[in-house]
Protein backbone atom coordinates (compact mmCIF):
# COMPACT_ATOMS: atom_id res chain seq x y z
CA MET A 1 2.99 -7.09 3.01
CA LEU A 2 4.64 -10.40 2.14
CA GLU A 3 2.00 -11.23 -0.44
CA ARG A 4 2.44 -7.79 -2.07
CA ARG A 5 6.25 -8.15 -2.14
CA CYS A 6 6.12 -11.67 -3.59
CA ARG A 7 3.75 -10.58 -6.39
CA GLN A 8 6.18 -7.79 -7.30
CA SER A 9 9.28 -9.98 -7.09
CA LYS A 10 11.15 -10.91 -10.25
CA ASP A 11 13.37 -13.59 -8.71
CA ALA A 12 10.92 -15.43 -6.37
CA PHE A 13 12.38 -13.79 -3.26
CA VAL A 14 10.53 -11.35 -1.02
CA PHE A 15 13.17 -8.72 -1.80
CA ASP A 16 14.64 -8.49 -5.30
CA GLY A 17 18.20 -7.54 -6.09
CA LEU A 18 19.94 -8.42 -2.81
CA LEU A 19 23.55 -9.10 -3.64
CA PRO A 20 25.10 -12.07 -1.83
CA GLY A 21 28.03 -11.28 0.42
CA GLY A 22 30.24 -12.47 3.25
CA PRO A 23 32.12 -15.74 3.53
CA ASP A 24 28.95 -17.81 3.03
CA LYS A 25 27.58 -15.66 0.16
CA LYS A 26 24.16 -15.15 1.77
CA ARG A 27 21.70 -12.59 0.39
CA SER A 28 21.14 -11.13 3.88
CA TRP A 29 24.81 -10.24 4.46
CA ASN A 30 24.78 -6.67 3.12
CA VAL A 31 21.36 -5.86 4.60
CA SER A 32 22.53 -7.06 8.00
CA LYS A 33 25.68 -4.93 7.74
CA ALA A 34 23.67 -1.85 6.73
CA PHE A 35 21.27 -2.40 9.65
CA GLY A 36 24.25 -2.63 12.03
CA HIS A 37 25.78 0.60 10.72
CA TYR A 38 22.43 2.36 10.99
CA THR A 39 21.78 1.29 14.59
CA LYS A 40 25.34 2.30 15.56
CA SER A 41 24.69 5.76 14.11
CA LEU A 42 21.66 6.10 16.41
CA ASP A 43 23.92 5.78 19.46
CA LEU A 44 21.55 3.38 21.24
CA GLY A 45 24.30 1.97 23.45
CA GLU A 46 23.36 -1.25 25.21
CA GLN A 47 19.89 -1.27 23.67
CA ARG A 48 21.21 -1.55 20.11
CA GLN A 49 19.98 -4.72 18.46
CA VAL A 50 21.47 -6.81 15.69
CA PHE A 51 19.48 -7.56 12.54
CA HIS A 52 18.95 -11.19 13.55
CA ALA A 53 17.12 -10.01 16.69
CA LEU A 54 14.11 -9.25 14.45
CA ARG A 55 13.90 -12.96 13.66
CA ASN A 56 14.17 -13.81 17.36
CA THR A 57 11.36 -11.39 18.22
CA PHE A 58 9.11 -12.82 15.50
CA THR A 59 9.80 -16.41 16.60
CA GLU A 60 9.07 -15.61 20.25
CA ALA A 61 5.85 -13.84 19.25
CA MET A 62 4.75 -16.88 17.22
CA GLU A 63 5.41 -19.13 20.19
CA ALA A 64 3.48 -16.77 22.47
CA VAL A 65 0.36 -17.12 20.30
CA GLU A 66 0.87 -20.91 20.25
CA VAL A 67 1.73 -21.37 16.59
CA PRO A 68 3.19 -24.88 16.15
CA GLU A 69 6.96 -24.96 15.76
CA SER A 70 6.72 -26.78 12.44
CA THR A 71 4.55 -23.94 11.07
CA THR A 72 6.89 -21.24 12.40
CA LYS A 73 9.78 -23.01 10.66
CA LEU A 74 7.88 -22.80 7.36
CA ILE A 75 7.32 -19.07 7.83
CA ILE A 76 10.89 -18.14 8.73
CA GLY A 77 12.54 -20.50 6.28
CA HIS A 78 14.08 -23.10 8.59
CA LYS A 79 14.32 -26.75 7.61
CA ARG A 80 11.86 -29.07 9.28
CA ALA A 81 14.09 -31.97 10.30
CA SER A 82 11.53 -34.56 11.36
CA LEU A 83 10.70 -37.43 9.05
CA THR A 84 6.99 -36.61 9.25
CA TYR A 85 7.04 -32.89 8.46
CA GLY A 86 10.53 -32.61 7.00
CA HIS A 87 10.39 -35.46 4.53
CA TYR A 88 6.76 -36.34 3.79
CA SER A 89 5.25 -32.84 3.97
CA LYS A 90 6.40 -29.65 2.27
CA GLY A 91 3.86 -27.58 4.22
CA GLU A 92 1.95 -26.51 1.13
CA ARG A 93 -1.46 -26.99 2.77
CA VAL A 94 -0.61 -25.03 5.91
CA LYS A 95 -2.50 -21.74 6.07
CA LEU A 96 0.48 -19.55 6.97
CA ARG A 97 -1.46 -16.28 6.67
CA GLU A 98 -3.86 -17.37 9.45
CA HIS A 99 -0.93 -17.94 11.80
CA ILE A 100 0.85 -14.71 10.88
CA ASN A 101 -2.38 -12.78 11.47
CA LYS A 102 -2.39 -13.93 15.10
CA LEU A 103 0.46 -11.49 15.80
CA HIS A 104 -0.19 -7.95 16.95
CA TYR A 105 2.46 -5.31 17.47
CA ALA A 106 2.28 -1.67 18.57
CA ASP A 107 -0.16 0.48 16.54
CA ASP A 108 2.59 2.22 14.54
CA VAL A 109 4.14 -1.11 13.57
CA MET A 110 0.76 -2.53 12.54
CA ARG A 111 0.16 0.54 10.35
CA LEU A 112 3.49 -0.06 8.60
CA ILE A 113 2.64 -3.71 8.03
CA ARG A 114 -0.70 -2.70 6.50
CA GLY A 115 0.99 -0.05 4.35
CA VAL A 116 -0.58 2.91 6.17
CA ALA A 117 1.70 5.80 7.07
CA PRO A 118 2.29 6.28 10.83
CA MET A 119 0.51 9.20 12.44
CA THR A 120 2.41 12.44 12.71
CA LEU A 121 2.85 14.14 16.07
CA GLN A 122 0.22 16.71 15.04
CA GLN A 123 -2.28 13.95 14.17
CA ARG A 124 -1.68 12.29 17.55
CA LYS A 125 -2.28 15.56 19.42
CA HIS A 126 -5.50 16.15 17.46
CA ARG A 127 -6.67 12.59 18.19
CA THR A 128 -5.88 12.99 21.90
CA ARG A 129 -7.80 16.30 22.06
CA ARG A 130 -10.84 14.68 20.41
CA LYS A 131 -10.82 11.83 22.94
CA THR A 132 -10.58 14.15 25.95
CA LYS A 133 -13.51 16.30 24.70
CA LYS A 134 -15.85 13.27 24.70
């Protein structure tokens, strides 16, 4: 998904056209606000998550599959502060795709990542019936 987005990008960002906002003029400001408004409209109560929680989930998942911290920092865009990896290396030889591919989410999420539409309720019922007939 990231490779496809970057090929289509006009301004070298994964997502084109994000207008900076907030006191620090970050490109994520308006997206984060929209995500917050959307989750509030779902009335999730205590379970409602903030936009930044997606980054937390990804980082925890990377740690769980034992991706080195310096590699995870490259993927999520954090500075690598050490002299070795922060100053002398820009991470250009790190095979980020191999590390990202170690992650596996629920089937519906994996279908979205691959660009395949999630199954409809009718498709799930049909699939379940086929499995029980075997």
